Amino acid sequence: MTVREHLNVTMKLLGERVTSEKLEKLGKRVGLLNRIDYLVKNLSAGYKRKLSIGIALIGNPRLLILDEPTSNLDLSSREMIWKVIT
């Protein structure tokens, strides 16, 4: 499955209305927009981490518990993810 398909399925499971704009906005928010049509199995560990964070953010949860959310990420990606989380 691609990154887009993973996000799409998760949105549907959570009862969210799925649009390409929402998918692209979420992809951009976590730094996955340039990999949105890649197969997840071909992603690096850092991009897989970004995908897991993106999936966790679907539905704007009130409480989100993350264990080492920036492991396997480079410095610029770590800073971006911390901004998204906070």
PDB file of N, CA and C in Angstrom:
ATOM      1  N   MET A   1       0.828  -1.181   0.000  1.00  0.00           N
ATOM      2  CA  MET A   1       0.000   0.000   0.000  1.00  0.00           C
ATOM      3  C   MET A   1       0.880   1.255   0.000  1.00  0.00           C
ATOM      4  N   THR A   2       0.373   2.308  -0.596  1.00  0.00           N
ATOM      5  CA  THR A   2       1.106   3.570  -0.625  1.00  0.00           C
ATOM      6  C   THR A   2       0.807   4.386   0.634  1.00  0.00           C
ATOM      7  N   VAL A   3       1.570   5.440   0.804  1.00  0.00           N
ATOM      8  CA  VAL A   3       1.340   6.356   1.926  1.00  0.00           C
ATOM      9  C   VAL A   3      -0.080   6.912   1.832  1.00  0.00           C
ATOM     10  N   ARG A   4      -0.486   7.333   0.645  1.00  0.00           N
ATOM     11  CA  ARG A   4      -1.828   7.882   0.442  1.00  0.00           C
ATOM     12  C   ARG A   4      -2.902   6.866   0.840  1.00  0.00           C
ATOM     13  N   GLU A   5      -2.706   5.614   0.462  1.00  0.00           N
ATOM     14  CA  GLU A   5      -3.690   4.578   0.787  1.00  0.00           C
ATOM     15  C   GLU A   5      -3.773   4.337   2.291  1.00  0.00           C
ATOM     16  N   HIS A   6      -2.628   4.342   2.973  1.00  0.00           N
ATOM     17  CA  HIS A   6      -2.633   4.168   4.428  1.00  0.00           C
ATOM     18  C   HIS A   6      -3.408   5.297   5.105  1.00  0.00           C
ATOM     19  N   LEU A   7      -3.137   6.525   4.695  1.00  0.00           N
ATOM     20  CA  LEU A   7      -3.833   7.664   5.279  1.00  0.00           C
ATOM     21  C   LEU A   7      -5.322   7.608   4.958  1.00  0.00           C
ATOM     22  N   ASN A   8      -5.643   7.238   3.723  1.00  0.00           N
ATOM     23  CA  ASN A   8      -7.036   7.136   3.272  1.00  0.00           C
ATOM     24  C   ASN A   8      -7.805   6.106   4.101  1.00  0.00           C
ATOM     25  N   VAL A   9      -7.252   4.924   4.264  1.00  0.00           N
ATOM     26  CA  VAL A   9      -7.910   3.855   5.019  1.00  0.00           C
ATOM     27  C   VAL A   9      -8.110   4.272   6.475  1.00  0.00           C
ATOM     28  N   THR A  10      -7.093   4.876   7.065  1.00  0.00           N
ATOM     29  CA  THR A  10      -7.199   5.296   8.460  1.00  0.00           C
ATOM     30  C   THR A  10      -8.281   6.348   8.627  1.00  0.00           C
ATOM     31  N   MET A  11      -8.335   7.303   7.699  1.00  0.00           N
ATOM     32  CA  MET A  11      -9.385   8.327   7.769  1.00  0.00           C
ATOM     33  C   MET A  11     -10.772   7.694   7.688  1.00  0.00           C
ATOM     34  N   LYS A  12     -10.925   6.752   6.776  1.00  0.00           N
ATOM     35  CA  LYS A  12     -12.228   6.081   6.639  1.00  0.00           C
ATOM     36  C   LYS A  12     -12.589   5.310   7.902  1.00  0.00           C
ATOM     37  N   LEU A  13     -11.616   4.622   8.495  1.00  0.00           N
ATOM     38  CA  LEU A  13     -11.877   3.859   9.721  1.00  0.00           C
ATOM     39  C   LEU A  13     -12.289   4.764  10.879  1.00  0.00           C
ATOM     40  N   LEU A  14     -11.776   5.980  10.886  1.00  0.00           N
ATOM     41  CA  LEU A  14     -12.105   6.919  11.950  1.00  0.00           C
ATOM     42  C   LEU A  14     -13.322   7.779  11.611  1.00  0.00           C
ATOM     43  N   GLY A  15     -13.961   7.481  10.486  1.00  0.00           N
ATOM     44  CA  GLY A  15     -15.174   8.200  10.118  1.00  0.00           C
ATOM     45  C   GLY A  15     -14.941   9.581   9.548  1.00  0.00           C
ATOM     46  N   GLU A  16     -13.714   9.876   9.128  1.00  0.00           N
ATOM     47  CA  GLU A  16     -13.389  11.171   8.530  1.00  0.00           C
ATOM     48  C   GLU A  16     -13.787  11.166   7.058  1.00  0.00           C
ATOM     49  N   ARG A  17     -14.210  12.311   6.577  1.00  0.00           N
ATOM     50  CA  ARG A  17     -14.484  12.470   5.146  1.00  0.00           C
ATOM     51  C   ARG A  17     -13.136  12.596   4.443  1.00  0.00           C
ATOM     52  N   VAL A  18     -12.885  11.746   3.458  1.00  0.00           N
ATOM     53  CA  VAL A  18     -11.597  11.713   2.783  1.00  0.00           C
ATOM     54  C   VAL A  18     -11.652  12.547   1.512  1.00  0.00           C
ATOM     55  N   THR A  19     -10.739  13.505   1.406  1.00  0.00           N
ATOM     56  CA  THR A  19     -10.584  14.285   0.180  1.00  0.00           C
ATOM     57  C   THR A  19      -9.093  14.335  -0.149  1.00  0.00           C
ATOM     58  N   SER A  20      -8.790  14.566  -1.402  1.00  0.00           N
ATOM     59  CA  SER A  20      -7.381  14.645  -1.779  1.00  0.00           C
ATOM     60  C   SER A  20      -6.719  15.843  -1.114  1.00  0.00           C
ATOM     61  N   GLU A  21      -7.481  16.907  -0.871  1.00  0.00           N
ATOM     62  CA  GLU A  21      -6.924  18.076  -0.191  1.00  0.00           C
ATOM     63  C   GLU A  21      -6.515  17.744   1.238  1.00  0.00           C
ATOM     64  N   LYS A  22      -7.370  16.991   1.943  1.00  0.00           N
ATOM     65  CA  LYS A  22      -7.047  16.583   3.316  1.00  0.00           C
ATOM     66  C   LYS A  22      -5.808  15.705   3.345  1.00  0.00           C
ATOM     67  N   LEU A  23      -5.729  14.760   2.402  1.00  0.00           N
ATOM     68  CA  LEU A  23      -4.587  13.855   2.362  1.00  0.00           C
ATOM     69  C   LEU A  23      -3.304  14.625   2.092  1.00  0.00           C
ATOM     70  N   GLU A  24      -3.359  15.552   1.145  1.00  0.00           N
ATOM     71  CA  GLU A  24      -2.166  16.325   0.819  1.00  0.00           C
ATOM     72  C   GLU A  24      -1.783  17.277   1.943  1.00  0.00           C
ATOM     73  N   LYS A  25      -2.761  17.852   2.626  1.00  0.00           N
ATOM     74  CA  LYS A  25      -2.485  18.742   3.754  1.00  0.00           C
ATOM     75  C   LYS A  25      -1.786  17.975   4.875  1.00  0.00           C
ATOM     76  N   LEU A  26      -2.304  16.780   5.182  1.00  0.00           N
ATOM     77  CA  LEU A  26      -1.685  15.956   6.217  1.00  0.00           C
ATOM     78  C   LEU A  26      -0.288  15.514   5.785  1.00  0.00           C
ATOM     79  N   GLY A  27      -0.149  15.120   4.521  1.00  0.00           N
ATOM     80  CA  GLY A  27       1.163  14.731   4.010  1.00  0.00           C
ATOM     81  C   GLY A  27       2.170  15.855   4.112  1.00  0.00           C
ATOM     82  N   LYS A  28       1.736  17.057   3.790  1.00  0.00           N
ATOM     83  CA  LYS A  28       2.621  18.227   3.890  1.00  0.00           C
ATOM     84  C   LYS A  28       2.947  18.522   5.341  1.00  0.00           C
ATOM     85  N   ARG A  29       1.959  18.398   6.205  1.00  0.00           N
ATOM     86  CA  ARG A  29       2.126  18.713   7.632  1.00  0.00           C
ATOM     87  C   ARG A  29       3.221  17.876   8.285  1.00  0.00           C
ATOM     88  N   VAL A  30       3.336  16.601   7.896  1.00  0.00           N
ATOM     89  CA  VAL A  30       4.346  15.726   8.508  1.00  0.00           C
ATOM     90  C   VAL A  30       5.534  15.452   7.587  1.00  0.00           C
ATOM     91  N   GLY A  31       5.613  16.152   6.471  1.00  0.00           N
ATOM     92  CA  GLY A  31       6.775  16.012   5.592  1.00  0.00           C
ATOM     93  C   GLY A  31       6.742  14.799   4.689  1.00  0.00           C
ATOM     94  N   LEU A  32       5.558  14.361   4.305  1.00  0.00           N
ATOM     95  CA  LEU A  32       5.427  13.186   3.440  1.00  0.00           C
ATOM     96  C   LEU A  32       4.887  13.507   2.045  1.00  0.00           C
ATOM     97  N   LEU A  33       4.633  14.753   1.762  1.00  0.00           N
ATOM     98  CA  LEU A  33       3.991  15.105   0.499  1.00  0.00           C
ATOM     99  C   LEU A  33       4.789  14.619  -0.708  1.00  0.00           C
ATOM    100  N   ASN A  34       6.110  14.679  -0.627  1.00  0.00           N
ATOM    101  CA  ASN A  34       6.933  14.226  -1.753  1.00  0.00           C
ATOM    102  C   ASN A  34       7.014  12.697  -1.854  1.00  0.00           C
ATOM    103  N   ARG A  35       6.469  11.989  -0.885  1.00  0.00           N
ATOM    104  CA  ARG A  35       6.483  10.519  -0.905  1.00  0.00           C
ATOM    105  C   ARG A  35       5.072   9.931  -0.825  1.00  0.00           C
ATOM    106  N   ILE A  36       4.051  10.736  -1.057  1.00  0.00           N
ATOM    107  CA  ILE A  36       2.677  10.305  -0.817  1.00  0.00           C
ATOM    108  C   ILE A  36       2.240   9.139  -1.703  1.00  0.00           C
ATOM    109  N   ASP A  37       2.848   8.972  -2.858  1.00  0.00           N
ATOM    110  CA  ASP A  37       2.473   7.868  -3.738  1.00  0.00           C
ATOM    111  C   ASP A  37       3.512   6.741  -3.752  1.00  0.00           C
ATOM    112  N   TYR A  38       4.424   6.754  -2.789  1.00  0.00           N
ATOM    113  CA  TYR A  38       5.411   5.691  -2.658  1.00  0.00           C
ATOM    114  C   TYR A  38       4.807   4.522  -1.885  1.00  0.00           C
ATOM    115  N   LEU A  39       5.284   3.334  -2.188  1.00  0.00           N
ATOM    116  CA  LEU A  39       4.912   2.169  -1.392  1.00  0.00           C
ATOM    117  C   LEU A  39       5.597   2.279  -0.032  1.00  0.00           C
ATOM    118  N   VAL A  40       4.861   2.017   1.011  1.00  0.00           N
ATOM    119  CA  VAL A  40       5.401   2.146   2.362  1.00  0.00           C
ATOM    120  C   VAL A  40       6.574   1.193   2.569  1.00  0.00           C
ATOM    121  N   LYS A  41       6.514   0.020   1.998  1.00  0.00           N
ATOM    122  CA  LYS A  41       7.599  -0.952   2.189  1.00  0.00           C
ATOM    123  C   LYS A  41       8.925  -0.440   1.629  1.00  0.00           C
ATOM    124  N   ASN A  42       8.880   0.549   0.727  1.00  0.00           N
ATOM    125  CA  ASN A  42      10.095   1.094   0.128  1.00  0.00           C
ATOM    126  C   ASN A  42      10.582   2.368   0.827  1.00  0.00           C
ATOM    127  N   LEU A  43       9.892   2.809   1.845  1.00  0.00           N
ATOM    128  CA  LEU A  43      10.281   4.023   2.562  1.00  0.00           C
ATOM    129  C   LEU A  43      11.400   3.740   3.554  1.00  0.00           C
ATOM    130  N   SER A  44      12.182   4.772   3.851  1.00  0.00           N
ATOM    131  CA  SER A  44      13.210   4.654   4.891  1.00  0.00           C
ATOM    132  C   SER A  44      12.526   4.624   6.256  1.00  0.00           C
ATOM    133  N   ALA A  45      13.283   4.292   7.264  1.00  0.00           N
ATOM    134  CA  ALA A  45      12.733   4.239   8.627  1.00  0.00           C
ATOM    135  C   ALA A  45      12.224   5.612   9.055  1.00  0.00           C
ATOM    136  N   GLY A  46      12.896   6.668   8.644  1.00  0.00           N
ATOM    137  CA  GLY A  46      12.461   8.014   8.999  1.00  0.00           C
ATOM    138  C   GLY A  46      11.116   8.373   8.387  1.00  0.00           C
ATOM    139  N   TYR A  47      10.918   8.021   7.122  1.00  0.00           N
ATOM    140  CA  TYR A  47       9.636   8.294   6.475  1.00  0.00           C
ATOM    141  C   TYR A  47       8.524   7.424   7.058  1.00  0.00           C
ATOM    142  N   LYS A  48       8.862   6.214   7.454  1.00  0.00           N
ATOM    143  CA  LYS A  48       7.861   5.368   8.108  1.00  0.00           C
ATOM    144  C   LYS A  48       7.451   5.980   9.442  1.00  0.00           C
ATOM    145  N   ARG A  49       8.397   6.584  10.148  1.00  0.00           N
ATOM    146  CA  ARG A  49       8.092   7.260  11.413  1.00  0.00           C
ATOM    147  C   ARG A  49       7.158   8.434  11.156  1.00  0.00           C
ATOM    148  N   LYS A  50       7.441   9.204  10.099  1.00  0.00           N
ATOM    149  CA  LYS A  50       6.574  10.330   9.751  1.00  0.00           C
ATOM    150  C   LYS A  50       5.163   9.851   9.430  1.00  0.00           C
ATOM    151  N   LEU A  51       5.061   8.727   8.737  1.00  0.00           N
ATOM    152  CA  LEU A  51       3.748   8.167   8.420  1.00  0.00           C
ATOM    153  C   LEU A  51       3.006   7.779   9.691  1.00  0.00           C
ATOM    154  N   SER A  52       3.692   7.154  10.621  1.00  0.00           N
ATOM    155  CA  SER A  52       3.018   6.752  11.863  1.00  0.00           C
ATOM    156  C   SER A  52       2.531   7.973  12.647  1.00  0.00           C
ATOM    157  N   ILE A  53       3.293   9.050  12.619  1.00  0.00           N
ATOM    158  CA  ILE A  53       2.863  10.277  13.285  1.00  0.00           C
ATOM    159  C   ILE A  53       1.678  10.882  12.547  1.00  0.00           C
ATOM    160  N   GLY A  54       1.728  10.877  11.226  1.00  0.00           N
ATOM    161  CA  GLY A  54       0.603  11.380  10.436  1.00  0.00           C
ATOM    162  C   GLY A  54      -0.673  10.616  10.715  1.00  0.00           C
ATOM    163  N   ILE A  55      -0.564   9.310  10.794  1.00  0.00           N
ATOM    164  CA  ILE A  55      -1.731   8.470  11.099  1.00  0.00           C
ATOM    165  C   ILE A  55      -2.253   8.789  12.502  1.00  0.00           C
ATOM    166  N   ALA A  56      -1.341   8.996  13.447  1.00  0.00           N
ATOM    167  CA  ALA A  56      -1.752   9.302  14.824  1.00  0.00           C
ATOM    168  C   ALA A  56      -2.474  10.649  14.910  1.00  0.00           C
ATOM    169  N   LEU A  57      -2.166  11.569  14.012  1.00  0.00           N
ATOM    170  CA  LEU A  57      -2.767  12.900  14.051  1.00  0.00           C
ATOM    171  C   LEU A  57      -4.132  12.978  13.371  1.00  0.00           C
ATOM    172  N   ILE A  58      -4.510  11.940  12.663  1.00  0.00           N
ATOM    173  CA  ILE A  58      -5.807  11.952  11.974  1.00  0.00           C
ATOM    174  C   ILE A  58      -6.924  12.054  13.010  1.00  0.00           C
ATOM    175  N   GLY A  59      -7.826  12.954  12.764  1.00  0.00           N
ATOM    176  CA  GLY A  59      -8.954  13.143  13.683  1.00  0.00           C
ATOM    177  C   GLY A  59      -8.674  14.130  14.800  1.00  0.00           C
ATOM    178  N   ASN A  60      -7.488  14.739  14.791  1.00  0.00           N
ATOM    179  CA  ASN A  60      -7.111  15.707  15.826  1.00  0.00           C
ATOM    180  C   ASN A  60      -7.405  15.196  17.235  1.00  0.00           C
ATOM    181  N   PRO A  61      -6.709  14.145  17.663  1.00  0.00           N
ATOM    182  CA  PRO A  61      -6.984  13.577  18.993  1.00  0.00           C
ATOM    183  C   PRO A  61      -6.696  14.578  20.103  1.00  0.00           C
ATOM    184  N   ARG A  62      -7.488  14.515  21.147  1.00  0.00           N
ATOM    185  CA  ARG A  62      -7.281  15.393  22.306  1.00  0.00           C
ATOM    186  C   ARG A  62      -6.034  14.997  23.082  1.00  0.00           C
ATOM    187  N   LEU A  63      -5.739  13.708  23.111  1.00  0.00           N
ATOM    188  CA  LEU A  63      -4.577  13.200  23.823  1.00  0.00           C
ATOM    189  C   LEU A  63      -3.829  12.257  22.894  1.00  0.00           C
ATOM    190  N   LEU A  64      -2.534  12.460  22.803  1.00  0.00           N
ATOM    191  CA  LEU A  64      -1.707  11.630  21.922  1.00  0.00           C
ATOM    192  C   LEU A  64      -0.458  11.233  22.696  1.00  0.00           C
ATOM    193  N   ILE A  65      -0.290   9.945  22.889  1.00  0.00           N
ATOM    194  CA  ILE A  65       0.876   9.443  23.623  1.00  0.00           C
ATOM    195  C   ILE A  65       1.844   8.863  22.601  1.00  0.00           C
ATOM    196  N   LEU A  66       3.038   9.442  22.553  1.00  0.00           N
ATOM    197  CA  LEU A  66       4.054   9.021  21.593  1.00  0.00           C
ATOM    198  C   LEU A  66       5.302   8.573  22.338  1.00  0.00           C
ATOM    199  N   ASP A  67       5.896   7.498  21.885  1.00  0.00           N
ATOM    200  CA  ASP A  67       7.136   6.998  22.473  1.00  0.00           C
ATOM    201  C   ASP A  67       8.257   7.231  21.462  1.00  0.00           C
ATOM    202  N   GLU A  68       9.138   8.134  21.773  1.00  0.00           N
ATOM    203  CA  GLU A  68      10.261   8.490  20.914  1.00  0.00           C
ATOM    204  C   GLU A  68       9.791   8.832  19.490  1.00  0.00           C
ATOM    205  N   PRO A  69       8.969   9.846  19.340  1.00  0.00           N
ATOM    206  CA  PRO A  69       8.391  10.160  18.040  1.00  0.00           C
ATOM    207  C   PRO A  69       9.400  10.619  16.988  1.00  0.00           C
ATOM    208  N   THR A  70      10.590  11.049  17.418  1.00  0.00           N
ATOM    209  CA  THR A  70      11.543  11.538  16.427  1.00  0.00           C
ATOM    210  C   THR A  70      12.729  10.607  16.205  1.00  0.00           C
ATOM    211  N   SER A  71      12.644   9.375  16.687  1.00  0.00           N
ATOM    212  CA  SER A  71      13.744   8.448  16.416  1.00  0.00           C
ATOM    213  C   SER A  71      13.773   8.146  14.920  1.00  0.00           C
ATOM    214  N   ASN A  72      14.952   7.950  14.388  1.00  0.00           N
ATOM    215  CA  ASN A  72      15.204   7.688  12.962  1.00  0.00           C
ATOM    216  C   ASN A  72      14.966   8.898  12.064  1.00  0.00           C
ATOM    217  N   LEU A  73      14.824  10.088  12.641  1.00  0.00           N
ATOM    218  CA  LEU A  73      14.624  11.290  11.835  1.00  0.00           C
ATOM    219  C   LEU A  73      15.873  12.152  11.860  1.00  0.00           C
ATOM    220  N   ASP A  74      16.130  12.853  10.738  1.00  0.00           N
ATOM    221  CA  ASP A  74      17.244  13.794  10.712  1.00  0.00           C
ATOM    222  C   ASP A  74      16.865  15.044  11.502  1.00  0.00           C
ATOM    223  N   LEU A  75      17.826  15.920  11.706  1.00  0.00           N
ATOM    224  CA  LEU A  75      17.625  17.083  12.574  1.00  0.00           C
ATOM    225  C   LEU A  75      16.497  17.989  12.091  1.00  0.00           C
ATOM    226  N   SER A  76      16.450  18.291  10.809  1.00  0.00           N
ATOM    227  CA  SER A  76      15.392  19.183  10.309  1.00  0.00           C
ATOM    228  C   SER A  76      14.016  18.532  10.426  1.00  0.00           C
ATOM    229  N   SER A  77      13.936  17.229  10.191  1.00  0.00           N
ATOM    230  CA  SER A  77      12.663  16.522  10.336  1.00  0.00           C
ATOM    231  C   SER A  77      12.237  16.473  11.794  1.00  0.00           C
ATOM    232  N   ARG A  78      13.196  16.313  12.705  1.00  0.00           N
ATOM    233  CA  ARG A  78      12.881  16.310  14.141  1.00  0.00           C
ATOM    234  C   ARG A  78      12.255  17.634  14.558  1.00  0.00           C
ATOM    235  N   GLU A  79      12.865  18.724  14.101  1.00  0.00           N
ATOM    236  CA  GLU A  79      12.329  20.042  14.445  1.00  0.00           C
ATOM    237  C   GLU A  79      10.929  20.232  13.887  1.00  0.00           C
ATOM    238  N   MET A  80      10.707  19.784  12.646  1.00  0.00           N
ATOM    239  CA  MET A  80       9.395  19.921  12.019  1.00  0.00           C
ATOM    240  C   MET A  80       8.340  19.107  12.789  1.00  0.00           C
ATOM    241  N   ILE A  81       8.681  17.877  13.153  1.00  0.00           N
ATOM    242  CA  ILE A  81       7.729  17.018  13.875  1.00  0.00           C
ATOM    243  C   ILE A  81       7.427  17.604  15.248  1.00  0.00           C
ATOM    244  N   TRP A  82       8.411  18.145  15.948  1.00  0.00           N
ATOM    245  CA  TRP A  82       8.154  18.741  17.255  1.00  0.00           C
ATOM    246  C   TRP A  82       7.216  19.940  17.123  1.00  0.00           C
ATOM    247  N   LYS A  83       7.362  20.710  16.048  1.00  0.00           N
ATOM    248  CA  LYS A  83       6.447  21.837  15.818  1.00  0.00           C
ATOM    249  C   LYS A  83       5.035  21.335  15.572  1.00  0.00           C
ATOM    250  N   VAL A  84       4.900  20.255  14.808  1.00  0.00           N
ATOM    251  CA  VAL A  84       3.579  19.681  14.522  1.00  0.00           C
ATOM    252  C   VAL A  84       2.938  19.160  15.809  1.00  0.00           C
ATOM    253  N   ILE A  85       3.718  18.477  16.614  1.00  0.00           N
ATOM    254  CA  ILE A  85       3.193  17.877  17.839  1.00  0.00           C
ATOM    255  C   ILE A  85       2.766  18.952  18.833  1.00  0.00           C
ATOM    256  N   THR A  86       3.557  19.995  18.964  1.00  0.00           N
ATOM    257  CA  THR A  86       3.215  21.028  19.935  1.00  0.00           C
ATOM    258  C   THR A  86       2.247  21.998  19.313  1.00  0.00           C
TER     259      THR A  86
END
